[in-house]
Amino acid sequence: MTTTIPTPETDDPPADRIEPVTDDQAIDQSWESDTGATTAEYAITTLAACGFAALLVVILKSEPIKELVTGVISSALGLGA
């Protein structure tokens, strides 16, 4: 059994030569459509940090970890045997 995928339709490249942009304002305008990307990156990073913090809370609330941390702190402060 053979399957063939039809060739996707593509547009021809523009016939006119694209001139380089020498105007700084035109260059700045070309970047304006990307302004929301930074906000989205901050949102994803914040979400990841919250998830990591929640995971740490779950881990640190477990009894063996509480005992381990308490023992380390007690030893560091000279309160341990």
C-alpha atoms as a PDB file:
ATOM      1  CA  MET A   1       0.000   0.000   0.000  1.00  0.00           C
ATOM      2  CA  THR A   2       1.500   3.291  -0.998  1.00  0.00           C
ATOM      3  CA  THR A   3       0.269   6.703  -0.135  1.00  0.00           C
ATOM      4  CA  THR A   4       1.271   9.890  -1.805  1.00  0.00           C
ATOM      5  CA  ILE A   5       0.964  13.292  -0.299  1.00  0.00           C
ATOM      6  CA  PRO A   6       0.045  16.014  -2.737  1.00  0.00           C
ATOM      7  CA  THR A   7       2.558  18.815  -3.130  1.00  0.00           C
ATOM      8  CA  PRO A   8       1.475  21.798  -1.049  1.00  0.00           C
ATOM      9  CA  GLU A   9       0.455  24.892  -2.921  1.00  0.00           C
ATOM     10  CA  THR A  10       2.919  27.738  -2.565  1.00  0.00           C
ATOM     11  CA  ASP A  11       2.898  31.308  -3.743  1.00  0.00           C
ATOM     12  CA  ASP A  12       5.526  32.475  -6.161  1.00  0.00           C
ATOM     13  CA  PRO A  13       8.118  34.850  -4.724  1.00  0.00           C
ATOM     14  CA  PRO A  14       7.528  38.525  -5.491  1.00  0.00           C
ATOM     15  CA  ALA A  15       8.810  39.591  -8.876  1.00  0.00           C
ATOM     16  CA  ASP A  16       9.961  42.995  -7.625  1.00  0.00           C
ATOM     17  CA  ARG A  17      13.281  43.281  -5.883  1.00  0.00           C
ATOM     18  CA  ILE A  18      12.920  44.047  -2.193  1.00  0.00           C
ATOM     19  CA  GLU A  19      14.769  47.230  -1.377  1.00  0.00           C
ATOM     20  CA  PRO A  20      16.737  47.428   1.891  1.00  0.00           C
ATOM     21  CA  VAL A  21      15.257  49.643   4.569  1.00  0.00           C
ATOM     22  CA  THR A  22      17.443  52.603   5.430  1.00  0.00           C
ATOM     23  CA  ASP A  23      14.942  54.520   7.569  1.00  0.00           C
ATOM     24  CA  ASP A  24      15.300  53.834  11.308  1.00  0.00           C
ATOM     25  CA  GLN A  25      11.633  54.542  11.933  1.00  0.00           C
ATOM     26  CA  ALA A  26      10.622  51.898   9.407  1.00  0.00           C
ATOM     27  CA  ILE A  27      12.903  49.402  11.138  1.00  0.00           C
ATOM     28  CA  ASP A  28      11.359  50.230  14.521  1.00  0.00           C
ATOM     29  CA  GLN A  29       7.879  49.752  13.079  1.00  0.00           C
ATOM     30  CA  SER A  30       8.795  46.292  11.813  1.00  0.00           C
ATOM     31  CA  TRP A  31       9.545  45.189  15.416  1.00  0.00           C
ATOM     32  CA  GLU A  32       6.312  46.507  16.919  1.00  0.00           C
ATOM     33  CA  SER A  33       4.390  43.312  16.196  1.00  0.00           C
ATOM     34  CA  ASP A  34       6.742  41.422  18.554  1.00  0.00           C
ATOM     35  CA  THR A  35       6.055  43.546  21.634  1.00  0.00           C
ATOM     36  CA  GLY A  36       3.799  40.983  23.341  1.00  0.00           C
ATOM     37  CA  ALA A  37       6.430  38.240  23.232  1.00  0.00           C
ATOM     38  CA  THR A  38       8.265  39.578  26.267  1.00  0.00           C
ATOM     39  CA  THR A  39       5.067  39.593  28.306  1.00  0.00           C
ATOM     40  CA  ALA A  40       4.339  36.004  27.298  1.00  0.00           C
ATOM     41  CA  GLU A  41       7.876  34.941  28.229  1.00  0.00           C
ATOM     42  CA  TYR A  42       7.528  36.554  31.651  1.00  0.00           C
ATOM     43  CA  ALA A  43       4.181  34.829  32.143  1.00  0.00           C
ATOM     44  CA  ILE A  44       5.600  31.397  31.293  1.00  0.00           C
ATOM     45  CA  THR A  45       8.633  31.958  33.539  1.00  0.00           C
ATOM     46  CA  THR A  46       6.407  33.080  36.416  1.00  0.00           C
ATOM     47  CA  LEU A  47       4.181  30.039  35.954  1.00  0.00           C
ATOM     48  CA  ALA A  48       7.213  27.725  35.988  1.00  0.00           C
ATOM     49  CA  ALA A  49       8.564  29.407  39.125  1.00  0.00           C
ATOM     50  CA  CYS A  50       5.209  28.984  40.885  1.00  0.00           C
ATOM     51  CA  GLY A  51       5.117  25.315  39.926  1.00  0.00           C
ATOM     52  CA  PHE A  52       8.644  24.809  41.233  1.00  0.00           C
ATOM     53  CA  ALA A  53       7.763  26.611  44.486  1.00  0.00           C
ATOM     54  CA  ALA A  54       4.696  24.402  44.942  1.00  0.00           C
ATOM     55  CA  LEU A  55       6.839  21.313  44.408  1.00  0.00           C
ATOM     56  CA  LEU A  56       9.334  22.534  47.012  1.00  0.00           C
ATOM     57  CA  VAL A  57       6.536  23.136  49.516  1.00  0.00           C
ATOM     58  CA  VAL A  58       5.259  19.587  49.047  1.00  0.00           C
ATOM     59  CA  ILE A  59       8.752  18.137  49.421  1.00  0.00           C
ATOM     60  CA  LEU A  60       9.698  20.243  52.438  1.00  0.00           C
ATOM     61  CA  LYS A  61       6.454  19.400  54.272  1.00  0.00           C
ATOM     62  CA  SER A  62       7.278  15.690  54.272  1.00  0.00           C
ATOM     63  CA  GLU A  63       8.363  14.344  57.667  1.00  0.00           C
ATOM     64  CA  PRO A  64      11.763  12.863  56.645  1.00  0.00           C
ATOM     65  CA  ILE A  65      12.805  16.153  55.058  1.00  0.00           C
ATOM     66  CA  LYS A  66      11.653  18.122  58.124  1.00  0.00           C
ATOM     67  CA  GLU A  67      13.813  15.908  60.335  1.00  0.00           C
ATOM     68  CA  LEU A  68      16.784  16.236  57.982  1.00  0.00           C
ATOM     69  CA  VAL A  69      16.553  20.039  57.809  1.00  0.00           C
ATOM     70  CA  THR A  70      16.049  20.315  61.578  1.00  0.00           C
ATOM     71  CA  GLY A  71      19.105  18.113  62.151  1.00  0.00           C
ATOM     72  CA  VAL A  72      21.258  20.181  59.798  1.00  0.00           C
ATOM     73  CA  ILE A  73      20.192  23.443  61.413  1.00  0.00           C
ATOM     74  CA  SER A  74      20.696  22.048  64.927  1.00  0.00           C
ATOM     75  CA  SER A  75      24.174  20.807  64.021  1.00  0.00           C
ATOM     76  CA  ALA A  76      25.060  24.129  62.419  1.00  0.00           C
ATOM     77  CA  LEU A  77      23.986  26.038  65.512  1.00  0.00           C
ATOM     78  CA  GLY A  78      25.794  23.655  67.850  1.00  0.00           C
ATOM     79  CA  LEU A  79      22.557  22.405  69.415  1.00  0.00           C
ATOM     80  CA  GLY A  80      23.056  18.831  68.240  1.00  0.00           C
ATOM     81  CA  ALA A  81      24.824  16.038  70.041  1.00  0.00           C
END
